[in-house]
Amino acid sequence: MLSPAFCPDCGSACLRETPDGDHRERSVCTSCRHIHYVNPKVVVGCIVEAGDHLLLAKRNIEPAHGRWTFPAGYLECGESSFDGAARETKEETEAEVQRLGLHAVLDIPHIGQIYKVYRARLVGTHFAETPESSEVRLIGMADIPWADLAFPSVAAALRLYARDREAGDGHRVHTGSVTWTGQGSRFDLAQYSLLDHHAH
């Protein structure tokens, strides 16, 4: 996560220093002395159920162009996390969804993100390609393209979802940290592990 080199408030240069009473370096304006905190971003998404199938989309944008995902994106100010997940689903697939419940909250510390993933039900039958998705399909659990998923967080959330379905004892809420080994590409799913996993 990059700190600003110039103050967004007054335009003066910022320096890295540890403010009084703080425990880490921050970007501090040399003129107005405003401390610029860089905090994690929240990503929200929906695992959309339609009977025994899930609604997945092939990304038509970078990063991970051409790879599969469930609909997800950054939460906007002024909306609840599920409203944001439903909006992203609409934007990426044109699908309307109904909330079923929270599925997972996953930390991704190395890129400063928190993923909040809901289970949702497809309302009606409509979905379609969009500028963000070159293909949108209902896919059975046995046909999930595990090797072609877009992001480690998507793979982790779908694996937990699949385990819950296989167990047949209902869905749980999962928490954990999607952690990169630091080796190879950050898009190589094999370089990630789900640590500190808990199911509630």
N, C-alpha and C. Protein backbone atom coordinates (compact mmCIF):
# COMPACT_ATOMS: atom_id res chain seq x y z
N MET A 1 0.85 -1.18 0.00
CA MET A 1 0.00 0.00 0.00
C MET A 1 0.90 1.24 0.00
N LEU A 2 0.69 2.09 -0.99
CA LEU A 2 1.54 3.26 -1.13
C LEU A 2 0.99 4.45 -0.35
N SER A 3 1.89 5.15 0.34
CA SER A 3 1.52 6.38 1.03
C SER A 3 1.76 7.55 0.08
N PRO A 4 0.99 8.63 0.22
CA PRO A 4 1.16 9.76 -0.69
C PRO A 4 2.50 10.46 -0.51
N ALA A 5 3.13 10.84 -1.65
CA ALA A 5 4.37 11.60 -1.61
C ALA A 5 4.08 13.08 -1.43
N PHE A 6 2.86 13.48 -1.83
CA PHE A 6 2.43 14.87 -1.68
C PHE A 6 1.09 14.90 -0.96
N CYS A 7 0.89 15.91 -0.15
CA CYS A 7 -0.30 16.00 0.70
C CYS A 7 -1.55 16.25 -0.16
N PRO A 8 -2.56 15.38 -0.07
CA PRO A 8 -3.81 15.61 -0.80
C PRO A 8 -4.56 16.85 -0.32
N ASP A 9 -4.24 17.32 0.90
CA ASP A 9 -4.93 18.48 1.46
C ASP A 9 -4.34 19.81 0.98
N CYS A 10 -2.99 19.93 1.03
CA CYS A 10 -2.38 21.23 0.69
C CYS A 10 -1.36 21.15 -0.44
N GLY A 11 -0.99 19.96 -0.87
CA GLY A 11 -0.08 19.81 -1.99
C GLY A 11 1.39 19.81 -1.65
N SER A 12 1.73 20.00 -0.39
CA SER A 12 3.14 20.01 0.01
C SER A 12 3.71 18.60 0.06
N ALA A 13 5.01 18.50 0.08
CA ALA A 13 5.67 17.20 0.13
C ALA A 13 5.40 16.51 1.46
N CYS A 14 5.33 15.18 1.41
CA CYS A 14 5.18 14.38 2.62
C CYS A 14 6.47 13.61 2.87
N LEU A 15 6.76 13.37 4.13
CA LEU A 15 7.90 12.56 4.53
C LEU A 15 7.41 11.40 5.38
N ARG A 16 8.19 10.32 5.36
CA ARG A 16 7.87 9.17 6.19
C ARG A 16 8.46 9.41 7.58
N GLU A 17 7.61 9.38 8.61
CA GLU A 17 8.09 9.51 9.98
C GLU A 17 7.07 8.86 10.91
N THR A 18 7.52 8.62 12.12
CA THR A 18 6.64 8.02 13.12
C THR A 18 6.08 9.13 14.01
N PRO A 19 4.78 9.42 13.90
CA PRO A 19 4.20 10.49 14.72
C PRO A 19 4.28 10.16 16.21
N ASP A 20 4.26 11.18 17.04
CA ASP A 20 4.28 10.99 18.48
C ASP A 20 3.13 10.08 18.90
N GLY A 21 3.44 9.10 19.73
CA GLY A 21 2.43 8.19 20.23
C GLY A 21 2.04 7.08 19.27
N ASP A 22 2.62 7.07 18.07
CA ASP A 22 2.32 6.02 17.09
C ASP A 22 3.38 4.93 17.18
N HIS A 23 3.16 3.84 16.44
CA HIS A 23 4.08 2.71 16.50
C HIS A 23 4.66 2.35 15.14
N ARG A 24 4.29 3.12 14.09
CA ARG A 24 4.85 2.84 12.78
C ARG A 24 4.96 4.13 11.98
N GLU A 25 5.78 4.06 10.92
CA GLU A 25 5.94 5.23 10.07
C GLU A 25 4.67 5.52 9.30
N ARG A 26 4.40 6.82 9.15
CA ARG A 26 3.27 7.28 8.35
C ARG A 26 3.78 8.34 7.37
N SER A 27 2.93 8.68 6.40
CA SER A 27 3.23 9.78 5.49
C SER A 27 2.69 11.06 6.13
N VAL A 28 3.61 11.99 6.47
CA VAL A 28 3.25 13.20 7.21
C VAL A 28 3.60 14.42 6.36
N CYS A 29 2.64 15.33 6.22
CA CYS A 29 2.86 16.54 5.44
C CYS A 29 3.88 17.44 6.12
N THR A 30 4.85 17.94 5.33
CA THR A 30 5.90 18.80 5.88
C THR A 30 5.39 20.21 6.15
N SER A 31 4.20 20.56 5.63
CA SER A 31 3.67 21.90 5.81
C SER A 31 2.52 21.92 6.82
N CYS A 32 1.41 21.27 6.51
CA CYS A 32 0.25 21.33 7.40
C CYS A 32 0.29 20.25 8.48
N ARG A 33 1.26 19.32 8.38
CA ARG A 33 1.49 18.26 9.37
C ARG A 33 0.36 17.24 9.45
N HIS A 34 -0.49 17.20 8.42
CA HIS A 34 -1.55 16.19 8.41
C HIS A 34 -0.92 14.81 8.26
N ILE A 35 -1.42 13.87 9.05
CA ILE A 35 -0.94 12.49 8.99
C ILE A 35 -1.87 11.72 8.06
N HIS A 36 -1.29 11.12 7.03
CA HIS A 36 -2.09 10.39 6.05
C HIS A 36 -2.00 8.89 6.33
N TYR A 37 -3.09 8.34 6.83
CA TYR A 37 -3.15 6.92 7.14
C TYR A 37 -3.59 6.16 5.89
N VAL A 38 -2.96 5.03 5.65
CA VAL A 38 -3.33 4.15 4.54
C VAL A 38 -3.93 2.90 5.16
N ASN A 39 -5.21 2.67 4.90
CA ASN A 39 -5.93 1.57 5.53
C ASN A 39 -6.38 0.54 4.49
N PRO A 40 -6.67 -0.69 4.92
CA PRO A 40 -7.10 -1.72 3.97
C PRO A 40 -8.40 -1.34 3.26
N LYS A 41 -8.55 -1.85 2.04
CA LYS A 41 -9.77 -1.68 1.27
C LYS A 41 -10.65 -2.91 1.47
N VAL A 42 -11.97 -2.69 1.42
CA VAL A 42 -12.93 -3.77 1.58
C VAL A 42 -13.46 -4.18 0.21
N VAL A 43 -13.33 -5.46 -0.10
CA VAL A 43 -13.88 -6.04 -1.32
C VAL A 43 -15.08 -6.88 -0.94
N VAL A 44 -16.18 -6.72 -1.65
CA VAL A 44 -17.41 -7.46 -1.35
C VAL A 44 -17.85 -8.23 -2.58
N GLY A 45 -18.42 -9.42 -2.35
CA GLY A 45 -18.84 -10.23 -3.48
C GLY A 45 -19.92 -11.22 -3.10
N CYS A 46 -20.46 -11.88 -4.13
CA CYS A 46 -21.53 -12.86 -3.94
C CYS A 46 -21.20 -14.18 -4.62
N ILE A 47 -21.33 -15.25 -3.87
CA ILE A 47 -21.40 -16.58 -4.46
C ILE A 47 -22.89 -16.81 -4.74
N VAL A 48 -23.26 -16.75 -6.01
CA VAL A 48 -24.67 -16.74 -6.42
C VAL A 48 -25.12 -18.15 -6.75
N GLU A 49 -26.12 -18.63 -6.02
CA GLU A 49 -26.66 -19.96 -6.22
C GLU A 49 -27.87 -19.91 -7.15
N ALA A 50 -27.94 -20.90 -8.03
CA ALA A 50 -29.12 -21.11 -8.87
C ALA A 50 -29.34 -22.61 -8.92
N GLY A 51 -30.11 -23.13 -7.96
CA GLY A 51 -30.25 -24.57 -7.82
C GLY A 51 -28.92 -25.18 -7.42
N ASP A 52 -28.44 -26.14 -8.21
CA ASP A 52 -27.18 -26.80 -7.93
C ASP A 52 -26.01 -26.14 -8.64
N HIS A 53 -26.23 -24.98 -9.22
CA HIS A 53 -25.20 -24.30 -9.98
C HIS A 53 -24.84 -22.96 -9.34
N LEU A 54 -23.65 -22.48 -9.70
CA LEU A 54 -23.19 -21.17 -9.27
C LEU A 54 -23.00 -20.28 -10.48
N LEU A 55 -23.26 -18.99 -10.29
CA LEU A 55 -23.09 -18.02 -11.36
C LEU A 55 -21.65 -17.48 -11.32
N LEU A 56 -20.88 -17.80 -12.35
CA LEU A 56 -19.50 -17.35 -12.43
C LEU A 56 -19.30 -16.51 -13.69
N ALA A 57 -18.31 -15.63 -13.64
CA ALA A 57 -18.05 -14.73 -14.75
C ALA A 57 -16.58 -14.79 -15.14
N LYS A 58 -16.32 -14.71 -16.43
CA LYS A 58 -14.94 -14.64 -16.92
C LYS A 58 -14.57 -13.16 -17.08
N ARG A 59 -13.50 -12.75 -16.41
CA ARG A 59 -13.13 -11.34 -16.37
C ARG A 59 -12.71 -10.83 -17.75
N ASN A 60 -13.24 -9.66 -18.11
CA ASN A 60 -12.92 -9.00 -19.36
C ASN A 60 -12.03 -7.79 -19.14
N ILE A 61 -11.50 -7.66 -17.92
CA ILE A 61 -10.64 -6.54 -17.55
C ILE A 61 -9.46 -7.07 -16.74
N GLU A 62 -8.42 -6.27 -16.68
CA GLU A 62 -7.28 -6.59 -15.82
C GLU A 62 -7.58 -6.10 -14.41
N PRO A 63 -6.97 -6.70 -13.40
CA PRO A 63 -6.07 -7.85 -13.48
C PRO A 63 -6.82 -9.16 -13.68
N ALA A 64 -6.09 -10.20 -14.01
CA ALA A 64 -6.64 -11.55 -14.21
C ALA A 64 -7.64 -11.62 -15.36
N HIS A 65 -7.36 -10.89 -16.43
CA HIS A 65 -8.20 -10.93 -17.62
C HIS A 65 -8.30 -12.38 -18.12
N GLY A 66 -9.52 -12.81 -18.45
CA GLY A 66 -9.74 -14.15 -18.98
C GLY A 66 -9.87 -15.24 -17.95
N ARG A 67 -9.81 -14.88 -16.68
CA ARG A 67 -9.97 -15.87 -15.62
C ARG A 67 -11.34 -15.75 -14.98
N TRP A 68 -11.75 -16.82 -14.29
CA TRP A 68 -13.10 -16.92 -13.74
C TRP A 68 -13.18 -16.45 -12.30
N THR A 69 -14.33 -15.91 -11.94
CA THR A 69 -14.54 -15.40 -10.59
C THR A 69 -16.03 -15.37 -10.27
N PHE A 70 -16.35 -15.26 -9.00
CA PHE A 70 -17.71 -14.83 -8.66
C PHE A 70 -17.70 -13.31 -8.64
N PRO A 71 -18.86 -12.66 -8.82
CA PRO A 71 -18.88 -11.20 -8.89
C PRO A 71 -18.40 -10.57 -7.58
N ALA A 72 -17.50 -9.60 -7.70
CA ALA A 72 -16.95 -8.93 -6.51
C ALA A 72 -16.26 -7.65 -6.93
N GLY A 73 -16.15 -6.72 -5.97
CA GLY A 73 -15.44 -5.47 -6.23
C GLY A 73 -15.38 -4.63 -4.97
N TYR A 74 -14.83 -3.44 -5.10
CA TYR A 74 -14.63 -2.59 -3.94
C TYR A 74 -15.95 -2.02 -3.43
N LEU A 75 -16.08 -2.02 -2.11
CA LEU A 75 -17.22 -1.41 -1.45
C LEU A 75 -17.13 0.10 -1.60
N GLU A 76 -18.27 0.73 -1.90
CA GLU A 76 -18.33 2.18 -2.03
C GLU A 76 -18.81 2.80 -0.71
N CYS A 77 -18.42 4.05 -0.46
CA CYS A 77 -18.92 4.76 0.70
C CYS A 77 -20.43 4.94 0.58
N GLY A 78 -21.13 4.81 1.69
CA GLY A 78 -22.56 5.04 1.70
C GLY A 78 -23.41 3.82 1.41
N GLU A 79 -22.79 2.64 1.23
CA GLU A 79 -23.58 1.43 1.00
C GLU A 79 -23.17 0.36 2.00
N SER A 80 -24.15 -0.51 2.33
CA SER A 80 -23.83 -1.64 3.20
C SER A 80 -23.01 -2.65 2.41
N SER A 81 -22.37 -3.56 3.13
CA SER A 81 -21.51 -4.53 2.44
C SER A 81 -22.32 -5.43 1.50
N PHE A 82 -23.53 -5.85 1.91
CA PHE A 82 -24.30 -6.68 0.98
C PHE A 82 -24.82 -5.86 -0.20
N ASP A 83 -25.24 -4.62 0.06
CA ASP A 83 -25.68 -3.77 -1.05
C ASP A 83 -24.55 -3.60 -2.07
N GLY A 84 -23.35 -3.45 -1.58
CA GLY A 84 -22.20 -3.35 -2.49
C GLY A 84 -21.97 -4.63 -3.26
N ALA A 85 -22.10 -5.77 -2.59
CA ALA A 85 -21.92 -7.06 -3.26
C ALA A 85 -22.99 -7.27 -4.32
N ALA A 86 -24.24 -6.89 -4.01
CA ALA A 86 -25.33 -7.02 -4.98
C ALA A 86 -25.12 -6.07 -6.16
N ARG A 87 -24.63 -4.86 -5.89
CA ARG A 87 -24.34 -3.91 -6.97
C ARG A 87 -23.26 -4.45 -7.89
N GLU A 88 -22.18 -4.97 -7.31
CA GLU A 88 -21.11 -5.54 -8.13
C GLU A 88 -21.63 -6.70 -8.97
N THR A 89 -22.51 -7.52 -8.39
CA THR A 89 -23.08 -8.64 -9.13
C THR A 89 -23.89 -8.14 -10.33
N LYS A 90 -24.67 -7.09 -10.10
CA LYS A 90 -25.46 -6.50 -11.18
C LYS A 90 -24.56 -5.92 -12.25
N GLU A 91 -23.51 -5.20 -11.84
CA GLU A 91 -22.61 -4.57 -12.80
C GLU A 91 -21.86 -5.59 -13.65
N GLU A 92 -21.48 -6.71 -13.04
CA GLU A 92 -20.63 -7.68 -13.73
C GLU A 92 -21.41 -8.75 -14.48
N THR A 93 -22.67 -8.99 -14.07
CA THR A 93 -23.42 -10.10 -14.68
C THR A 93 -24.86 -9.75 -15.06
N GLU A 94 -25.32 -8.56 -14.71
CA GLU A 94 -26.71 -8.12 -14.88
C GLU A 94 -27.71 -8.91 -14.02
N ALA A 95 -27.22 -9.74 -13.13
CA ALA A 95 -28.11 -10.57 -12.31
C ALA A 95 -28.60 -9.83 -11.07
N GLU A 96 -29.86 -10.06 -10.74
CA GLU A 96 -30.43 -9.61 -9.48
C GLU A 96 -30.30 -10.76 -8.48
N VAL A 97 -29.96 -10.42 -7.24
CA VAL A 97 -29.76 -11.48 -6.25
C VAL A 97 -30.47 -11.17 -4.93
N GLN A 98 -30.74 -12.23 -4.20
CA GLN A 98 -31.34 -12.14 -2.87
C GLN A 98 -30.34 -12.69 -1.86
N ARG A 99 -30.16 -11.98 -0.78
CA ARG A 99 -29.19 -12.39 0.25
C ARG A 99 -29.64 -13.66 0.95
N LEU A 100 -28.69 -14.61 1.08
CA LEU A 100 -28.92 -15.82 1.86
C LEU A 100 -28.17 -15.79 3.18
N GLY A 101 -26.98 -15.22 3.19
CA GLY A 101 -26.22 -15.14 4.44
C GLY A 101 -24.75 -14.86 4.17
N LEU A 102 -24.05 -14.48 5.21
CA LEU A 102 -22.61 -14.24 5.11
C LEU A 102 -21.88 -15.57 4.97
N HIS A 103 -20.92 -15.62 4.06
CA HIS A 103 -20.15 -16.85 3.84
C HIS A 103 -18.75 -16.77 4.43
N ALA A 104 -18.04 -15.69 4.16
CA ALA A 104 -16.65 -15.62 4.62
C ALA A 104 -16.16 -14.19 4.74
N VAL A 105 -15.27 -13.98 5.70
CA VAL A 105 -14.52 -12.73 5.83
C VAL A 105 -13.05 -13.14 5.82
N LEU A 106 -12.34 -12.77 4.75
CA LEU A 106 -10.97 -13.22 4.54
C LEU A 106 -10.03 -12.01 4.49
N ASP A 107 -8.99 -12.05 5.30
CA ASP A 107 -7.97 -11.01 5.28
C ASP A 107 -6.93 -11.35 4.22
N ILE A 108 -6.44 -10.32 3.51
CA ILE A 108 -5.35 -10.50 2.55
C ILE A 108 -4.30 -9.44 2.89
N PRO A 109 -3.50 -9.70 3.91
CA PRO A 109 -2.63 -8.65 4.47
C PRO A 109 -1.63 -8.07 3.50
N HIS A 110 -1.05 -8.86 2.62
CA HIS A 110 0.05 -8.36 1.79
C HIS A 110 -0.40 -7.34 0.75
N ILE A 111 -1.70 -7.26 0.45
CA ILE A 111 -2.19 -6.21 -0.45
C ILE A 111 -3.19 -5.30 0.24
N GLY A 112 -3.35 -5.44 1.55
CA GLY A 112 -4.20 -4.54 2.30
C GLY A 112 -5.66 -4.61 1.90
N GLN A 113 -6.21 -5.82 1.79
CA GLN A 113 -7.61 -6.00 1.46
C GLN A 113 -8.30 -6.91 2.46
N ILE A 114 -9.60 -6.68 2.61
CA ILE A 114 -10.46 -7.57 3.38
C ILE A 114 -11.60 -7.98 2.45
N TYR A 115 -11.78 -9.28 2.25
CA TYR A 115 -12.84 -9.81 1.40
C TYR A 115 -14.02 -10.20 2.28
N LYS A 116 -15.19 -9.69 1.93
CA LYS A 116 -16.42 -10.08 2.61
C LYS A 116 -17.34 -10.70 1.57
N VAL A 117 -17.59 -12.00 1.70
CA VAL A 117 -18.29 -12.76 0.67
C VAL A 117 -19.62 -13.28 1.22
N TYR A 118 -20.68 -13.03 0.45
CA TYR A 118 -22.02 -13.48 0.82
C TYR A 118 -22.46 -14.63 -0.06
N ARG A 119 -23.34 -15.46 0.48
CA ARG A 119 -24.12 -16.39 -0.32
C ARG A 119 -25.38 -15.66 -0.75
N ALA A 120 -25.76 -15.84 -2.00
CA ALA A 120 -26.95 -15.18 -2.53
C ALA A 120 -27.67 -16.11 -3.50
N ARG A 121 -28.93 -15.83 -3.72
CA ARG A 121 -29.74 -16.62 -4.66
C ARG A 121 -30.05 -15.77 -5.88
N LEU A 122 -29.93 -16.38 -7.07
CA LEU A 122 -30.29 -15.70 -8.30
C LEU A 122 -31.80 -15.46 -8.32
N VAL A 123 -32.19 -14.22 -8.56
CA VAL A 123 -33.60 -13.87 -8.66
C VAL A 123 -33.98 -13.90 -10.14
N GLY A 124 -34.97 -14.72 -10.49
CA GLY A 124 -35.34 -14.87 -11.89
C GLY A 124 -34.32 -15.72 -12.63
N THR A 125 -34.20 -15.48 -13.92
CA THR A 125 -33.29 -16.29 -14.74
C THR A 125 -32.31 -15.44 -15.55
N HIS A 126 -32.40 -14.12 -15.43
CA HIS A 126 -31.60 -13.28 -16.31
C HIS A 126 -30.18 -13.07 -15.78
N PHE A 127 -29.22 -13.24 -16.66
CA PHE A 127 -27.84 -12.81 -16.48
C PHE A 127 -27.26 -12.67 -17.87
N ALA A 128 -26.18 -11.92 -17.99
CA ALA A 128 -25.64 -11.65 -19.32
C ALA A 128 -24.21 -11.15 -19.22
N GLU A 129 -23.52 -11.20 -20.38
CA GLU A 129 -22.20 -10.61 -20.48
C GLU A 129 -22.31 -9.10 -20.28
N THR A 130 -21.22 -8.52 -19.78
CA THR A 130 -21.15 -7.07 -19.56
C THR A 130 -19.76 -6.60 -19.99
N PRO A 131 -19.53 -5.29 -20.01
CA PRO A 131 -18.18 -4.83 -20.34
C PRO A 131 -17.09 -5.42 -19.43
N GLU A 132 -17.46 -5.79 -18.20
CA GLU A 132 -16.48 -6.34 -17.27
C GLU A 132 -16.34 -7.85 -17.38
N SER A 133 -17.30 -8.52 -18.02
CA SER A 133 -17.32 -9.99 -18.07
C SER A 133 -17.56 -10.46 -19.49
N SER A 134 -16.58 -11.17 -20.06
CA SER A 134 -16.72 -11.64 -21.43
C SER A 134 -17.63 -12.85 -21.54
N GLU A 135 -17.84 -13.52 -20.41
CA GLU A 135 -18.72 -14.70 -20.39
C GLU A 135 -19.31 -14.82 -18.99
N VAL A 136 -20.59 -15.15 -18.91
CA VAL A 136 -21.27 -15.36 -17.64
C VAL A 136 -22.04 -16.66 -17.76
N ARG A 137 -21.79 -17.60 -16.83
CA ARG A 137 -22.40 -18.93 -16.96
C ARG A 137 -22.82 -19.48 -15.61
N LEU A 138 -23.83 -20.35 -15.64
CA LEU A 138 -24.17 -21.18 -14.49
C LEU A 138 -23.32 -22.44 -14.59
N ILE A 139 -22.56 -22.71 -13.54
CA ILE A 139 -21.59 -23.80 -13.57
C ILE A 139 -21.84 -24.73 -12.38
N GLY A 140 -21.90 -26.02 -12.65
CA GLY A 140 -22.08 -27.01 -11.60
C GLY A 140 -20.83 -27.13 -10.74
N MET A 141 -21.02 -27.61 -9.52
CA MET A 141 -19.89 -27.71 -8.60
C MET A 141 -18.76 -28.56 -9.16
N ALA A 142 -19.09 -29.61 -9.89
CA ALA A 142 -18.06 -30.49 -10.44
C ALA A 142 -17.29 -29.85 -11.58
N ASP A 143 -17.82 -28.74 -12.11
CA ASP A 143 -17.19 -28.11 -13.28
C ASP A 143 -16.55 -26.76 -12.97
N ILE A 144 -16.42 -26.43 -11.69
CA ILE A 144 -15.75 -25.16 -11.34
C ILE A 144 -14.32 -25.18 -11.90
N PRO A 145 -13.93 -24.16 -12.64
CA PRO A 145 -12.59 -24.15 -13.26
C PRO A 145 -11.50 -23.76 -12.26
N TRP A 146 -11.19 -24.68 -11.37
CA TRP A 146 -10.28 -24.37 -10.26
C TRP A 146 -8.93 -23.84 -10.74
N ALA A 147 -8.42 -24.38 -11.85
CA ALA A 147 -7.10 -23.96 -12.34
C ALA A 147 -7.13 -22.60 -13.01
N ASP A 148 -8.32 -22.10 -13.30
CA ASP A 148 -8.44 -20.84 -14.03
C ASP A 148 -9.19 -19.77 -13.24
N LEU A 149 -9.16 -19.86 -11.91
CA LEU A 149 -9.79 -18.84 -11.09
C LEU A 149 -8.90 -17.61 -11.03
N ALA A 150 -9.56 -16.46 -10.86
CA ALA A 150 -8.86 -15.18 -10.99
C ALA A 150 -7.93 -14.86 -9.82
N PHE A 151 -8.40 -15.08 -8.60
CA PHE A 151 -7.67 -14.58 -7.44
C PHE A 151 -7.62 -15.64 -6.33
N PRO A 152 -6.58 -15.61 -5.50
CA PRO A 152 -6.49 -16.55 -4.38
C PRO A 152 -7.67 -16.44 -3.42
N SER A 153 -8.16 -15.24 -3.21
CA SER A 153 -9.30 -15.05 -2.31
C SER A 153 -10.55 -15.71 -2.86
N VAL A 154 -10.75 -15.64 -4.17
CA VAL A 154 -11.88 -16.29 -4.82
C VAL A 154 -11.76 -17.80 -4.67
N ALA A 155 -10.56 -18.33 -4.92
CA ALA A 155 -10.35 -19.77 -4.79
C ALA A 155 -10.60 -20.23 -3.36
N ALA A 156 -10.10 -19.49 -2.38
CA ALA A 156 -10.28 -19.86 -0.97
C ALA A 156 -11.75 -19.87 -0.59
N ALA A 157 -12.49 -18.82 -0.98
CA ALA A 157 -13.91 -18.72 -0.64
C ALA A 157 -14.71 -19.84 -1.29
N LEU A 158 -14.40 -20.16 -2.55
CA LEU A 158 -15.12 -21.24 -3.24
C LEU A 158 -14.79 -22.61 -2.66
N ARG A 159 -13.55 -22.82 -2.26
CA ARG A 159 -13.19 -24.11 -1.64
C ARG A 159 -13.95 -24.31 -0.33
N LEU A 160 -14.04 -23.25 0.47
CA LEU A 160 -14.79 -23.35 1.73
C LEU A 160 -16.27 -23.60 1.46
N TYR A 161 -16.80 -22.94 0.44
CA TYR A 161 -18.20 -23.15 0.06
C TYR A 161 -18.42 -24.60 -0.37
N ALA A 162 -17.50 -25.13 -1.20
CA ALA A 162 -17.63 -26.51 -1.67
C ALA A 162 -17.56 -27.50 -0.51
N ARG A 163 -16.68 -27.25 0.45
CA ARG A 163 -16.57 -28.14 1.61
C ARG A 163 -17.87 -28.16 2.42
N ASP A 164 -18.46 -26.98 2.60
CA ASP A 164 -19.73 -26.92 3.34
C ASP A 164 -20.81 -27.72 2.62
N ARG A 165 -20.86 -27.58 1.30
CA ARG A 165 -21.88 -28.32 0.54
C ARG A 165 -21.64 -29.82 0.62
N GLU A 166 -20.38 -30.23 0.52
CA GLU A 166 -20.06 -31.66 0.58
C GLU A 166 -20.38 -32.24 1.95
N ALA A 167 -20.16 -31.45 3.00
CA ALA A 167 -20.43 -31.92 4.35
C ALA A 167 -21.92 -32.13 4.59
N GLY A 168 -22.74 -31.35 3.91
CA GLY A 168 -24.19 -31.52 4.00
C GLY A 168 -24.80 -31.13 5.32
N ASP A 169 -24.08 -30.37 6.12
CA ASP A 169 -24.63 -29.98 7.44
C ASP A 169 -24.85 -28.48 7.54
N GLY A 170 -25.13 -27.87 6.39
CA GLY A 170 -25.40 -26.44 6.39
C GLY A 170 -24.16 -25.61 6.15
N HIS A 171 -24.38 -24.36 5.88
CA HIS A 171 -23.27 -23.44 5.59
C HIS A 171 -22.86 -22.71 6.87
N ARG A 172 -21.55 -22.51 6.99
CA ARG A 172 -21.01 -21.81 8.14
C ARG A 172 -20.38 -20.50 7.68
N VAL A 173 -20.05 -19.65 8.63
CA VAL A 173 -19.35 -18.41 8.33
C VAL A 173 -17.86 -18.64 8.62
N HIS A 174 -17.04 -18.38 7.63
CA HIS A 174 -15.61 -18.66 7.72
C HIS A 174 -14.81 -17.37 7.87
N THR A 175 -13.74 -17.46 8.64
CA THR A 175 -12.78 -16.38 8.74
C THR A 175 -11.39 -16.96 8.56
N GLY A 176 -10.47 -16.15 8.10
CA GLY A 176 -9.11 -16.62 7.91
C GLY A 176 -8.28 -15.59 7.18
N SER A 177 -7.02 -15.93 6.96
CA SER A 177 -6.08 -15.03 6.30
C SER A 177 -5.49 -15.73 5.08
N VAL A 178 -5.72 -15.14 3.89
CA VAL A 178 -5.16 -15.67 2.65
C VAL A 178 -3.74 -15.12 2.54
N THR A 179 -2.76 -16.00 2.70
CA THR A 179 -1.38 -15.56 2.89
C THR A 179 -0.49 -16.04 1.75
N TRP A 180 0.28 -15.10 1.20
CA TRP A 180 1.20 -15.37 0.10
C TRP A 180 2.55 -15.82 0.64
N THR A 181 3.18 -16.79 -0.04
CA THR A 181 4.49 -17.28 0.38
C THR A 181 5.59 -16.25 0.14
N GLY A 182 5.32 -15.29 -0.75
CA GLY A 182 6.36 -14.34 -1.13
C GLY A 182 7.19 -14.80 -2.30
N GLN A 183 6.89 -15.99 -2.82
CA GLN A 183 7.62 -16.56 -3.95
C GLN A 183 6.78 -16.50 -5.22
N GLY A 184 7.44 -16.27 -6.34
CA GLY A 184 6.75 -16.32 -7.63
C GLY A 184 5.73 -15.21 -7.79
N SER A 185 4.81 -15.41 -8.73
CA SER A 185 3.80 -14.42 -9.04
C SER A 185 2.73 -14.37 -7.95
N ARG A 186 2.23 -13.16 -7.69
CA ARG A 186 1.13 -13.01 -6.74
C ARG A 186 -0.18 -13.54 -7.30
N PHE A 187 -0.20 -13.90 -8.60
CA PHE A 187 -1.39 -14.48 -9.20
C PHE A 187 -1.29 -16.00 -9.32
N ASP A 188 -0.20 -16.59 -8.82
CA ASP A 188 -0.05 -18.04 -8.80
C ASP A 188 -0.77 -18.58 -7.57
N LEU A 189 -1.93 -19.20 -7.78
CA LEU A 189 -2.75 -19.64 -6.65
C LEU A 189 -2.04 -20.67 -5.78
N ALA A 190 -1.07 -21.38 -6.35
CA ALA A 190 -0.35 -22.39 -5.58
C ALA A 190 0.55 -21.78 -4.51
N GLN A 191 0.79 -20.47 -4.60
CA GLN A 191 1.67 -19.80 -3.65
C GLN A 191 0.92 -19.23 -2.44
N TYR A 192 -0.33 -19.66 -2.27
CA TYR A 192 -1.16 -19.13 -1.18
C TYR A 192 -1.65 -20.22 -0.26
N SER A 193 -1.85 -19.85 1.00
CA SER A 193 -2.44 -20.74 1.99
C SER A 193 -3.50 -19.97 2.77
N LEU A 194 -4.51 -20.68 3.26
CA LEU A 194 -5.48 -20.09 4.14
C LEU A 194 -5.08 -20.39 5.58
N LEU A 195 -4.65 -19.37 6.30
CA LEU A 195 -4.17 -19.54 7.66
C LEU A 195 -5.20 -19.04 8.67
N ASP A 196 -5.07 -19.53 9.88
CA ASP A 196 -5.92 -19.11 10.99
C ASP A 196 -7.40 -19.23 10.63
N HIS A 197 -7.75 -20.35 9.98
CA HIS A 197 -9.13 -20.55 9.53
C HIS A 197 -10.02 -20.97 10.70
N HIS A 198 -11.17 -20.33 10.79
CA HIS A 198 -12.20 -20.69 11.78
C HIS A 198 -13.55 -20.73 11.08
N ALA A 199 -14.40 -21.63 11.50
CA ALA A 199 -15.76 -21.73 10.95
C ALA A 199 -16.73 -21.60 12.10
N HIS A 200 -17.77 -20.81 11.91
CA HIS A 200 -18.72 -20.51 12.99
C HIS A 200 -20.12 -20.91 12.57
